[in-house]
Amino acid sequence: MSSNIPDHYGRTELVLMVMDPLHLFAYWEVTPESLREAQDVLGAEMDGAGAVVRFYDISLIHFDGTNAHHTFDIDIGLEARGWYVPVWTADKSYCADLGFVARTGRFHAIVRSNVIQTPRDGVSGNTDERWMRVTFVRRRKPDRARPLEFVPAPALPRPLSPEELRALQDRLASAKALADARFAAGGLPSSQERSPR
């Protein structure tokens, strides 16, 4: 098995990837068979036709091929095999078709891409706080002269009975309610409080 990445895989495809909120990367492969089919469909219109990737903004819709919010074309050279694409608005869903535009304006798609979602370009509006309990364990510095010891893994605990499970859930719920009450009163959850000296 060779470790070299092949130049082509023998299938026609177009793949979109998100680079950042305002940039996409598209890469493609078009087989000779797909090019021949496009030539058969366009016929004489293939003369002077240009290869394009047509992008569709399909945010929040069920795309049927005709109902995109807006479209734009990027002229490409098929031999390039990949292209960086700037977009103007973040937080959008896109898909694309690779095909040919004839001089008459007729577009013939060869292949459709995957659907991608660009992230928003600002900070999150979610400001909820989440607390976690951090347990610090003081560890001994290892002694290089001391041989390593075999320590058996702890035995797996037995499954809890329904009564034990219910009691554990009740204890966790009351501990959470107590922490929420302290936090609402302006204090810190118990894991953040310092013991008096």
Foldseek 3Di string as FASTA:
>chain_A
DDPDDDPDDQDWAKEWDAPAQFKIKIFTDDHPVLVVVQCVVCPPLVVVKFKWKKKFFQFPHDDPPPDGPDIDIDTDDNVVRMDMDTHDAGFTKMKIFIFIQGPVRDTDGSYIYDIDTHHHPDDDPDPDDDDDADDDDDDDDDDPVDDDDDDDDDDDDDDDDPVRVVVVVVVVVVLVVVQVVCVVVPHHRPSPDDDDD
